[in-house]
Structures are given as C-alpha cells and as structure tokens.
N, C-alpha and C. Protein backbone atom coordinates (compact mmCIF):
# COMPACT_ATOMS: atom_id res chain seq x y z
N MET A 1 -37.00 29.13 35.69
CA MET A 1 -37.54 29.13 34.61
C MET A 1 -37.40 27.89 33.90
N ALA A 2 -38.57 27.05 33.47
CA ALA A 2 -38.28 26.00 32.82
C ALA A 2 -39.13 26.15 31.34
N MET A 3 -38.42 25.78 30.16
CA MET A 3 -38.94 25.60 28.82
C MET A 3 -39.08 24.04 28.23
N ARG A 4 -40.49 23.96 27.99
CA ARG A 4 -40.51 22.67 27.03
C ARG A 4 -40.71 22.89 25.73
N VAL A 5 -39.84 22.02 24.77
CA VAL A 5 -39.93 22.20 23.51
C VAL A 5 -40.17 20.71 23.11
N GLU A 6 -41.16 20.68 22.41
CA GLU A 6 -41.72 19.20 21.49
C GLU A 6 -41.52 19.37 20.07
N VAL A 7 -40.72 18.13 19.81
CA VAL A 7 -40.29 17.91 18.73
C VAL A 7 -40.54 16.86 17.99
N PRO A 8 -41.54 16.68 16.74
CA PRO A 8 -42.02 15.56 16.35
C PRO A 8 -40.88 14.58 15.95
N MET A 9 -41.03 13.18 16.16
CA MET A 9 -40.00 12.24 16.06
C MET A 9 -39.72 12.40 14.48
N SER A 10 -40.35 12.44 13.22
CA SER A 10 -40.28 12.45 12.24
C SER A 10 -39.14 13.65 11.89
N ALA A 11 -38.92 14.61 12.88
CA ALA A 11 -37.92 15.70 12.54
C ALA A 11 -36.40 15.43 13.04
N ILE A 12 -36.32 14.16 13.35
CA ILE A 12 -34.90 13.49 13.90
C ILE A 12 -34.44 12.88 13.03
N ASN A 13 -33.56 13.30 12.47
CA ASN A 13 -32.54 12.82 11.35
C ASN A 13 -30.95 13.03 11.76
N THR A 14 -30.33 11.67 12.01
CA THR A 14 -29.00 11.99 12.51
C THR A 14 -28.39 10.69 12.44
N GLU A 15 -26.95 10.40 12.63
CA GLU A 15 -26.07 9.24 12.65
C GLU A 15 -25.68 9.22 14.11
N ILE A 16 -25.68 8.08 14.08
CA ILE A 16 -24.70 7.50 15.53
C ILE A 16 -23.82 6.58 15.24
N GLU A 17 -22.74 7.02 15.80
CA GLU A 17 -21.46 6.47 15.59
C GLU A 17 -20.93 5.55 16.82
N LEU A 18 -21.23 4.01 16.61
CA LEU A 18 -20.85 3.18 18.04
C LEU A 18 -19.33 2.61 17.71
N PRO A 19 -18.85 2.02 18.80
CA PRO A 19 -17.31 1.64 18.98
C PRO A 19 -17.81 0.11 18.55
N LEU A 20 -17.32 -0.61 17.68
CA LEU A 20 -17.28 -1.93 17.60
C LEU A 20 -16.19 -3.07 18.15
N THR A 21 -16.57 -3.34 19.73
CA THR A 21 -15.33 -3.96 20.49
C THR A 21 -15.54 -5.45 20.52
N ILE A 22 -14.74 -6.28 20.27
CA ILE A 22 -14.64 -7.72 20.61
C ILE A 22 -13.59 -7.90 21.54
N GLY A 23 -14.17 -8.82 22.61
CA GLY A 23 -13.29 -9.23 23.59
C GLY A 23 -12.79 -10.69 23.62
N VAL A 24 -11.69 -11.17 24.14
CA VAL A 24 -11.77 -12.80 24.16
C VAL A 24 -10.53 -12.46 25.56
N GLY A 25 -11.20 -13.56 26.82
CA GLY A 25 -10.95 -13.55 27.51
C GLY A 25 -10.69 -11.95 28.64
N ASP A 26 -9.39 -11.74 28.89
CA ASP A 26 -9.28 -10.57 29.33
C ASP A 26 -8.79 -9.34 28.25
N VAL A 27 -8.66 -9.66 27.19
CA VAL A 27 -8.37 -8.83 26.08
C VAL A 27 -9.73 -8.31 25.26
N VAL A 28 -9.76 -6.83 25.13
CA VAL A 28 -10.88 -6.40 24.45
C VAL A 28 -10.38 -5.36 23.52
N SER A 29 -10.65 -5.26 22.32
CA SER A 29 -10.20 -4.54 21.31
C SER A 29 -11.34 -3.93 20.56
N THR A 30 -10.86 -2.59 20.23
CA THR A 30 -12.03 -1.61 19.35
C THR A 30 -11.57 -2.28 17.92
N VAL A 31 -12.27 -3.07 16.93
CA VAL A 31 -11.85 -2.97 15.93
C VAL A 31 -12.82 -2.43 15.01
N GLY A 32 -13.60 -1.56 15.01
CA GLY A 32 -13.97 -0.48 14.16
C GLY A 32 -15.05 0.36 14.74
N THR A 33 -15.92 0.90 13.82
CA THR A 33 -17.03 1.40 14.12
C THR A 33 -18.47 1.04 13.61
N LEU A 34 -19.34 1.34 14.26
CA LEU A 34 -20.59 0.90 13.32
C LEU A 34 -21.29 2.01 13.34
N THR A 35 -21.67 2.79 12.28
CA THR A 35 -22.65 4.17 12.03
C THR A 35 -24.03 3.69 11.68
N LEU A 36 -25.04 4.10 12.68
CA LEU A 36 -26.37 3.68 12.31
C LEU A 36 -27.13 5.21 11.85
N GLU A 37 -27.78 5.26 10.86
CA GLU A 37 -28.48 6.27 10.50
C GLU A 37 -30.20 6.45 11.03
N VAL A 38 -30.49 7.66 11.51
CA VAL A 38 -31.56 7.89 12.09
C VAL A 38 -32.51 8.66 11.30
N ARG A 39 -33.65 8.10 10.48
CA ARG A 39 -34.50 8.79 9.94
C ARG A 39 -35.82 8.77 10.20
N GLY A 40 -36.39 10.02 10.32
CA GLY A 40 -37.97 10.09 10.62
C GLY A 40 -37.73 9.29 12.31
N GLY A 41 -36.66 9.75 12.85
CA GLY A 41 -37.03 9.32 14.09
C GLY A 41 -36.84 7.84 14.40
N LYS A 42 -36.52 6.94 13.54
CA LYS A 42 -36.48 5.52 13.58
C LYS A 42 -35.01 5.32 13.03
N ALA A 43 -34.31 4.25 13.75
CA ALA A 43 -32.64 3.86 13.50
C ALA A 43 -32.80 2.54 12.28
N GLU A 44 -32.36 2.80 11.40
CA GLU A 44 -32.01 2.06 10.27
C GLU A 44 -31.92 0.31 10.80
N ASP A 45 -32.13 -0.51 10.19
CA ASP A 45 -31.93 -1.95 10.41
C ASP A 45 -30.38 -2.11 10.30
N PHE A 46 -29.77 -2.15 11.71
CA PHE A 46 -28.55 -2.49 11.81
C PHE A 46 -28.00 -3.55 11.42
N ARG A 47 -28.67 -4.69 11.13
CA ARG A 47 -28.19 -6.11 11.26
C ARG A 47 -27.16 -6.23 10.06
N PRO A 48 -27.61 -5.44 8.68
CA PRO A 48 -26.62 -5.83 7.76
C PRO A 48 -25.36 -4.95 7.84
N ALA A 49 -25.24 -4.01 8.38
CA ALA A 49 -23.93 -3.26 8.77
C ALA A 49 -23.39 -3.92 9.92
N LEU A 50 -23.91 -4.39 10.93
CA LEU A 50 -22.99 -5.42 11.95
C LEU A 50 -22.76 -6.66 11.25
N ALA A 51 -23.24 -7.18 10.50
CA ALA A 51 -22.57 -8.69 9.94
C ALA A 51 -21.72 -8.35 9.04
N ASP A 52 -21.54 -7.02 8.19
CA ASP A 52 -20.32 -6.80 7.29
C ASP A 52 -19.37 -6.43 8.23
N ALA A 53 -19.57 -5.71 9.34
CA ALA A 53 -18.28 -5.20 10.48
C ALA A 53 -17.80 -6.50 10.72
N LEU A 54 -18.75 -7.27 11.44
CA LEU A 54 -18.22 -8.68 11.91
C LEU A 54 -17.13 -9.47 10.90
N ARG A 55 -17.74 -9.60 9.48
CA ARG A 55 -16.93 -9.96 8.59
C ARG A 55 -15.80 -9.74 8.42
N GLN A 56 -15.77 -8.26 8.46
CA GLN A 56 -14.18 -7.59 8.14
C GLN A 56 -13.49 -8.01 9.22
N ALA A 57 -13.77 -7.86 10.70
CA ALA A 57 -13.15 -8.42 11.63
C ALA A 57 -12.48 -9.47 11.83
N ALA A 58 -13.24 -10.56 11.18
CA ALA A 58 -13.17 -12.13 11.06
C ALA A 58 -12.05 -12.19 10.05
N ASP A 59 -12.10 -11.44 8.92
CA ASP A 59 -11.00 -11.51 7.97
C ASP A 59 -9.70 -11.00 8.26
N ALA A 60 -9.79 -10.03 9.06
CA ALA A 60 -8.44 -9.62 9.47
C ALA A 60 -7.78 -10.19 10.61
N VAL A 61 -8.72 -10.59 11.54
CA VAL A 61 -8.20 -12.07 12.30
C VAL A 61 -7.41 -13.17 11.80
N GLU A 62 -8.27 -13.41 10.44
CA GLU A 62 -7.74 -14.50 9.78
C GLU A 62 -6.44 -14.52 8.86
N ARG A 63 -6.14 -12.95 8.67
CA ARG A 63 -5.11 -12.78 7.94
C ARG A 63 -3.71 -12.58 9.19
N ALA A 64 -4.18 -11.88 9.98
CA ALA A 64 -3.34 -11.80 10.99
C ALA A 64 -2.51 -13.27 11.46
N ALA A 65 -3.53 -13.86 11.94
CA ALA A 65 -3.08 -15.30 12.46
C ALA A 65 -2.11 -15.98 11.10
N THR A 66 -2.46 -15.93 10.14
CA THR A 66 -1.83 -16.81 9.14
C THR A 66 -0.25 -16.06 8.98
N HIS A 67 -0.37 -14.26 8.81
CA HIS A 67 0.79 -13.60 8.97
C HIS A 67 1.89 -13.91 10.30
N GLU A 68 1.25 -14.30 11.43
CA GLU A 68 2.21 -14.37 12.54
C GLU A 68 2.72 -16.03 12.21
N ALA A 69 1.88 -16.81 11.69
CA ALA A 69 2.24 -18.19 11.68
C ALA A 69 3.60 -18.39 10.70
N ASP A 70 4.04 -17.33 9.73
CA ASP A 70 4.79 -17.14 9.11
C ASP A 70 6.09 -16.58 9.35
N GLU A 71 6.15 -15.70 10.75
CA GLU A 71 6.97 -15.21 10.79
C GLU A 71 8.07 -15.91 11.71
N GLU A 72 9.28 -15.73 11.60
CA GLU A 72 10.57 -16.28 12.14
C GLU A 72 10.71 -16.03 13.90
N VAL A 73 10.85 -16.45 14.73
CA VAL A 73 11.17 -16.47 15.66
C VAL A 73 12.83 -16.62 15.91
N PRO A 74 13.34 -15.29 16.33
CA PRO A 74 14.80 -15.62 16.76
C PRO A 74 15.38 -16.64 17.77
N ASP A 75 16.14 -17.40 17.19
CA ASP A 75 16.79 -18.48 18.01
C ASP A 75 15.94 -19.65 18.16
N ALA A 76 14.90 -19.81 17.27
CA ALA A 76 13.73 -20.86 17.31
C ALA A 76 14.77 -21.87 16.87
N ALA A 77 14.42 -23.25 17.30
CA ALA A 77 14.88 -24.58 16.60
C ALA A 77 14.45 -24.67 15.29
N ALA A 78 15.34 -25.11 14.37
CA ALA A 78 15.15 -25.64 13.17
C ALA A 78 13.62 -26.52 13.06
N HIS A 79 12.75 -26.53 12.16
CA HIS A 79 12.04 -27.73 11.80
C HIS A 79 12.95 -28.77 10.93
N GLY A 80 12.72 -29.80 11.03
CA GLY A 80 13.60 -30.79 10.43
C GLY A 80 12.96 -32.20 10.55
C-alpha cells in the first residue's frame, strides 16, 4: 500500500548545514560550516554567508602562516 502526502512549498521551513571544505593539492580540510535557512520552500541567498566564511578562512590561513614563520626550528642555522 502506498500513501501520497502533498505539502505546499510554503510549509517547508528548515536549516541546512553544509561543511565548508578547502583543498590545496592533495590536502583537503574542513574549515567550517555554512548554515542555509529555508523559508517558504526557498533557500536564502547564500552568497553573503559564503563570502563571510571564506574571509574567516583566509584570515585564519594568514594568521597561521605568520605564526609559523616566527617559530624556531631546533638545530636550525642562525640568521646572520
């Protein structure tokens, strides 16, 4: 026995959480998540949220690169 239920698109209200992954060469890293709201059966404009998430990821990469450059390596030759 099959049952069919029809729901109007306007009744669909939810959030969808998507992983935000960035790949460089063979290295793929999940840097966060992107949450999209669905209201009235339509997803919100994701571009502002995606742009913000990418800015945050870029800032984290820049901070990590700066921090790594300042770290000392054991047995490394001194700069002179």
